């Protein structure tokens, strides 16, 4: 396949290496393409300046969009997600007659769920934060584009170089939550594998998958595991429940697993042990 990776950062680069491993051709767009693997056909592209975009190779079959916000406010999200997605769809309709699948990595931040309930793809969009509302609008724009789109809603991405919880525990600032605090995550390598897997499904791919591991966990349990791995004996307890940015829910990855994907890191124990071993690195 001829694959185009738009906004080719850490996750997309890992996916690109996996595409190469199955003998696909990979083109990567990012602001500084010198950071991409030499085997990629890299292009310096400022996605916020459509006039600078190169033409899309007409034999392109798979496009992967993994944007990152230029700033963490509504304007930054609108420019980096919604406007880029709209421009990309317009160009794909004109320039990519052989397109088989456009894969967009979104976020489970667009979803609701509370009281520890299980949430699937059938749950309605329920974005509460203003930035999440932009993500929901981006999903809607892509779904209504008339193109063969699959949305991967990723839960909290962790992996090499993504060590926030480890850092909190190591610094002694992590506290066991006073109340229920379900968390959901996916290892970078499994998200990259999911991207390649969906691309290989072709017409059998669904329009939406929850990209998350098989083991939702209480945040306190994750903290306690990390503390034990780091040789720390005591973690403080919150005196009262902290305000949460996301719902207290458990995400169900059954649809993705039933499509044939096998996770390398089905739970946080396997994933964090891999990170702590220091055997992998984040792509530049």
Protein backbone atom coordinates (compact mmCIF):
# COMPACT_ATOMS: atom_id res chain seq x y z
CA UNK A 1 0.00 0.00 0.00
CA UNK A 2 0.96 3.62 -0.45
CA UNK A 3 0.50 5.26 2.96
CA UNK A 4 0.46 8.96 3.87
CA UNK A 5 1.00 9.95 7.50
CA UNK A 6 -0.30 13.46 8.15
CA UNK A 7 1.20 15.13 11.24
CA UNK A 8 3.75 12.36 11.66
CA UNK A 9 4.70 12.40 15.33
CA UNK A 10 5.55 9.62 17.75
CA UNK A 11 2.48 7.40 17.27
CA UNK A 12 2.35 7.82 13.49
CA UNK A 13 6.09 7.19 13.16
CA UNK A 14 5.73 3.91 15.05
CA UNK A 15 2.82 3.01 12.78
CA UNK A 16 4.89 3.97 9.74
CA UNK A 17 7.70 1.64 10.76
CA UNK A 18 5.13 -1.15 11.02
CA UNK A 19 3.78 -0.31 7.56
CA UNK A 20 7.34 -0.49 6.22
CA UNK A 21 7.81 -3.87 7.88
CA UNK A 22 4.98 -5.23 5.73
CA UNK A 23 6.57 -3.72 2.60
CA UNK A 24 4.27 -0.70 2.26
CA UNK A 25 5.52 2.69 1.00
CA UNK A 26 5.34 5.46 3.60
CA UNK A 27 5.20 9.23 3.13
CA UNK A 28 5.33 11.42 6.22
CA UNK A 29 4.30 15.04 6.60
CA UNK A 30 5.55 17.05 9.55
CA UNK A 31 6.97 20.48 10.20
CA UNK A 32 10.53 19.15 10.39
CA UNK A 33 10.81 15.99 8.31
CA UNK A 34 14.50 15.53 9.18
CA UNK A 35 13.25 13.89 12.39
CA UNK A 36 11.54 11.09 10.44
CA UNK A 37 13.20 7.73 9.72
CA UNK A 38 15.27 7.80 6.54
CA UNK A 39 13.12 5.07 5.02
CA UNK A 40 10.13 7.46 5.02
CA UNK A 41 9.50 9.82 2.13
CA UNK A 42 9.52 12.87 4.37
CA UNK A 43 8.13 16.31 3.53
CA UNK A 44 8.38 19.54 5.51
CA UNK A 45 4.73 20.60 5.85
CA UNK A 46 3.15 23.27 8.02
CA UNK A 47 -0.38 21.91 8.32
CA UNK A 48 -1.63 25.29 9.53
CA UNK A 49 -0.62 26.80 6.16
CA UNK A 50 -2.52 24.86 3.45
CA UNK A 51 -0.74 26.85 0.75
CA UNK A 52 2.43 24.98 1.72
CA UNK A 53 0.93 21.51 1.40
CA UNK A 54 2.36 19.32 -1.37
CA UNK A 55 0.09 17.46 -3.74
CA UNK A 56 -1.02 14.04 -2.53
CA UNK A 57 0.31 11.15 -4.59
CA UNK A 58 -2.70 9.91 -6.62
CA UNK A 59 -1.85 6.27 -5.85
CA UNK A 60 -2.20 6.87 -2.09
CA UNK A 61 -4.47 4.21 -0.58
CA UNK A 62 -4.26 4.84 3.17
CA UNK A 63 -4.05 8.18 4.98
CA UNK A 64 -3.49 8.47 8.75
CA UNK A 65 -4.28 11.75 10.49
CA UNK A 66 -2.80 12.14 13.99
CA UNK A 67 -2.90 15.88 14.71
CA UNK A 68 -1.56 17.63 17.78
CA UNK A 69 -2.86 21.03 18.89
CA UNK A 70 -0.74 24.10 18.22
CA UNK A 71 -2.06 25.41 21.55
CA UNK A 72 -4.24 23.92 24.28
CA UNK A 73 -7.17 26.26 23.78
CA UNK A 74 -10.22 26.17 21.54
CA UNK A 75 -8.56 28.19 18.80
CA UNK A 76 -5.54 25.90 18.78
CA UNK A 77 -7.76 22.83 18.52
CA UNK A 78 -9.91 24.33 15.77
CA UNK A 79 -6.85 25.17 13.69
CA UNK A 80 -4.99 21.91 14.28
CA UNK A 81 -7.89 19.44 14.22
CA UNK A 82 -11.03 20.75 12.56
CA UNK A 83 -9.54 22.99 9.87
CA UNK A 84 -6.77 20.53 9.00
CA UNK A 85 -9.31 17.69 8.73
CA UNK A 86 -11.59 19.74 6.49
CA UNK A 87 -8.71 20.76 4.21
CA UNK A 88 -7.39 17.21 4.06
CA UNK A 89 -10.78 15.80 3.08
CA UNK A 90 -11.16 18.34 0.30
CA UNK A 91 -7.76 17.45 -1.11
CA UNK A 92 -8.29 13.72 -0.81
CA UNK A 93 -11.51 14.00 -2.82
CA UNK A 94 -9.59 15.81 -5.56
CA UNK A 95 -6.20 14.11 -5.46
CA UNK A 96 -6.55 10.55 -4.10
CA UNK A 97 -8.87 8.53 -6.36
CA UNK A 98 -7.51 5.23 -4.99
CA UNK A 99 -8.09 6.07 -1.32
CA UNK A 100 -9.18 2.98 0.60
CA UNK A 101 -9.15 4.28 4.17
CA UNK A 102 -8.68 7.55 6.06
CA UNK A 103 -7.83 6.77 9.68
CA UNK A 104 -8.21 9.56 12.22
CA UNK A 105 -6.89 9.21 15.76
CA UNK A 106 -9.35 11.04 17.99
CA UNK A 107 -9.82 10.94 21.75
CA UNK A 108 -12.22 9.29 24.17
CA UNK A 109 -12.53 12.77 25.70
CA UNK A 110 -15.59 13.18 23.46
CA UNK A 111 -17.43 10.48 25.43
CA UNK A 112 -19.38 10.46 28.67
CA UNK A 113 -19.83 7.75 31.27
CA UNK A 114 -19.76 7.81 35.05
CA UNK A 115 -20.12 5.67 38.17
CA UNK A 116 -17.75 3.08 36.75
CA UNK A 117 -20.08 2.07 33.91
CA UNK A 118 -18.80 0.26 30.82
CA UNK A 119 -18.85 2.41 27.67
CA UNK A 120 -18.83 1.15 24.07
CA UNK A 121 -18.88 2.73 20.62
CA UNK A 122 -22.68 2.85 20.81
CA UNK A 123 -22.58 5.49 23.56
CA UNK A 124 -23.58 8.96 22.33
CA UNK A 125 -21.00 11.71 22.02
CA UNK A 126 -20.96 13.71 25.23
CA UNK A 127 -18.15 16.25 25.10
CA UNK A 128 -18.13 18.58 28.10
CA UNK A 129 -14.87 20.49 27.74
CA UNK A 130 -14.66 23.14 25.01
CA UNK A 131 -11.61 21.49 23.42
CA UNK A 132 -13.37 18.10 23.44
CA UNK A 133 -16.29 19.73 21.63
CA UNK A 134 -13.87 20.66 18.84
CA UNK A 135 -12.73 17.04 18.68
CA UNK A 136 -16.36 15.97 18.36
CA UNK A 137 -16.92 18.49 15.56
CA UNK A 138 -13.83 17.13 13.80
CA UNK A 139 -15.16 13.59 14.03
CA UNK A 140 -18.48 14.74 12.59
CA UNK A 141 -16.78 16.55 9.71
CA UNK A 142 -14.78 13.46 8.81
CA UNK A 143 -17.73 11.09 9.18
CA UNK A 144 -19.77 13.30 6.86
CA UNK A 145 -17.03 13.77 4.27
CA UNK A 146 -18.16 10.96 1.99
CA UNK A 147 -14.71 9.36 2.29
CA UNK A 148 -13.99 5.86 3.73
CA UNK A 149 -13.21 7.04 7.25
CA UNK A 150 -12.38 5.09 10.40
CA UNK A 151 -12.11 6.96 13.69
CA UNK A 152 -9.91 5.49 16.40
CA UNK A 153 -10.88 7.06 19.73
CA UNK A 154 -7.76 6.62 21.81
CA UNK A 155 -7.81 6.60 25.59
CA UNK A 156 -4.81 7.92 27.55
CA UNK A 157 -1.71 7.20 25.47
CA UNK A 158 1.36 6.13 27.42
CA UNK A 159 4.67 4.59 26.43
CA UNK A 160 8.32 5.54 26.08
CA UNK A 161 8.71 9.22 26.93
CA UNK A 162 5.12 9.41 28.19
CA UNK A 163 5.80 8.88 31.86
CA UNK A 164 3.55 11.35 33.69
CA UNK A 165 2.20 8.82 36.20
CA UNK A 166 5.66 7.37 36.81
CA UNK A 167 7.01 10.86 37.40
CA UNK A 168 4.21 11.70 39.84
CA UNK A 169 4.91 8.58 41.88
CA UNK A 170 8.68 8.99 41.76
CA UNK A 171 8.44 12.61 42.91
CA UNK A 172 6.17 11.70 45.81
CA UNK A 173 3.32 13.92 44.59
CA UNK A 174 0.97 11.08 43.58
CA UNK A 175 -1.87 10.55 46.06
CA UNK A 176 -4.31 7.65 46.25
CA UNK A 177 -7.74 9.07 45.23
CA UNK A 178 -10.30 9.32 48.01
CA UNK A 179 -13.09 8.04 45.78
CA UNK A 180 -13.55 5.95 42.65
CA UNK A 181 -11.26 7.01 39.79
CA UNK A 182 -11.36 4.60 36.86
CA UNK A 183 -8.67 5.18 34.24
CA UNK A 184 -8.26 3.88 30.70
CA UNK A 185 -5.11 3.82 28.63
CA UNK A 186 -3.40 2.37 25.58
CA UNK A 187 0.30 1.83 24.99
CA UNK A 188 1.76 3.74 22.06
CA UNK A 189 2.83 0.52 20.36
CA UNK A 190 -0.66 -0.96 20.57
CA UNK A 191 -2.21 2.22 19.17
CA UNK A 192 0.25 2.10 16.27
CA UNK A 193 -0.58 -1.57 15.76
CA UNK A 194 -4.28 -0.69 15.74
CA UNK A 195 -3.71 1.87 12.99
CA UNK A 196 -1.97 -0.68 10.77
CA UNK A 197 -4.55 -3.34 11.62
CA UNK A 198 -7.45 -1.10 10.59
CA UNK A 199 -5.67 -0.18 7.36
CA UNK A 200 -5.27 -3.87 6.57
CA UNK A 201 -8.98 -4.54 7.18
CA UNK A 202 -9.86 -2.55 4.07
CA UNK A 203 -13.61 -2.48 3.44
CA UNK A 204 -14.21 -4.62 6.53
CA UNK A 205 -13.13 -1.77 8.82
CA UNK A 206 -15.82 -0.22 11.00
CA UNK A 207 -16.36 3.53 11.12
CA UNK A 208 -15.45 3.76 14.82
CA UNK A 209 -13.33 1.85 17.32
CA UNK A 210 -12.41 2.53 20.92
CA UNK A 211 -8.63 2.18 21.02
CA UNK A 212 -7.94 1.23 24.61
CA UNK A 213 -6.41 -1.69 26.45
CA UNK A 214 -8.28 -4.55 28.10
CA UNK A 215 -7.73 -3.50 31.70
CA UNK A 216 -9.42 -0.33 32.94
CA UNK A 217 -7.97 0.31 36.39
CA UNK A 218 -8.47 2.44 39.44
CA UNK A 219 -5.85 5.17 39.48
CA UNK A 220 -4.91 4.21 43.01
CA UNK A 221 -4.08 0.67 41.87
CA UNK A 222 -1.83 2.03 39.12
CA UNK A 223 -0.05 4.32 41.59
CA UNK A 224 0.45 1.47 44.07
CA UNK A 225 1.84 -0.80 41.37
CA UNK A 226 4.29 1.87 40.20
CA UNK A 227 5.34 2.63 43.77
CA UNK A 228 6.14 -1.06 44.32
CA UNK A 229 8.10 -1.23 41.07
CA UNK A 230 10.06 1.87 42.09
CA UNK A 231 10.76 0.53 45.57
CA UNK A 232 8.59 3.10 47.35
CA UNK A 233 6.65 1.93 50.39
CA UNK A 234 4.17 4.69 51.13
CA UNK A 235 1.76 6.83 49.12
CA UNK A 236 -0.40 9.48 50.73
CA UNK A 237 -4.18 9.39 50.46
CA UNK A 238 -6.30 12.31 49.28
CA UNK A 239 -8.39 13.82 52.05
CA UNK A 240 -11.26 14.46 49.61
CA UNK A 241 -12.01 13.53 46.02
CA UNK A 242 -10.31 15.81 43.51
CA UNK A 243 -12.14 17.41 40.59
CA UNK A 244 -11.91 15.19 37.49
CA UNK A 245 -11.56 16.20 33.86
CA UNK A 246 -13.03 12.93 32.55
CA UNK A 247 -15.91 10.70 33.56
CA UNK A 248 -15.49 7.79 35.94
CA UNK A 249 -15.97 5.10 33.28
CA UNK A 250 -14.52 1.89 31.90
CA UNK A 251 -13.98 1.70 28.15
CA UNK A 252 -14.79 -1.51 26.28
CA UNK A 253 -12.40 -2.50 23.47
CA UNK A 254 -14.37 -5.58 22.36
CA UNK A 255 -15.08 -4.28 18.85
CA UNK A 256 -11.39 -3.75 18.12
CA UNK A 257 -10.36 -7.11 19.55
CA UNK A 258 -13.14 -8.93 17.71
CA UNK A 259 -11.85 -7.45 14.45
CA UNK A 260 -8.64 -9.43 15.03
CA UNK A 261 -6.24 -7.07 16.81
CA UNK A 262 -4.05 -8.64 19.48
CA UNK A 263 -2.65 -6.27 22.10
CA UNK A 264 0.98 -6.51 23.09
CA UNK A 265 0.19 -4.72 26.36
CA UNK A 266 -3.35 -5.71 27.42
CA UNK A 267 -2.97 -4.01 30.80
CA UNK A 268 -1.01 -1.35 32.63
CA UNK A 269 1.23 -3.87 34.41
CA UNK A 270 2.74 -5.17 31.18
CA UNK A 271 2.94 -1.71 29.65
CA UNK A 272 4.55 0.10 32.55
CA UNK A 273 7.03 -2.70 33.16
CA UNK A 274 8.14 -2.30 29.56
CA UNK A 275 8.61 1.45 30.04
CA UNK A 276 10.48 1.01 33.32
CA UNK A 277 12.82 -1.49 31.66
CA UNK A 278 14.09 1.33 29.42
CA UNK A 279 14.20 -0.91 26.35
CA UNK A 280 12.21 1.37 24.04
CA UNK A 281 12.42 5.03 23.05
CA UNK A 282 10.07 7.75 21.92
CA UNK A 283 10.39 8.78 18.30
CA UNK A 284 11.62 12.35 17.82
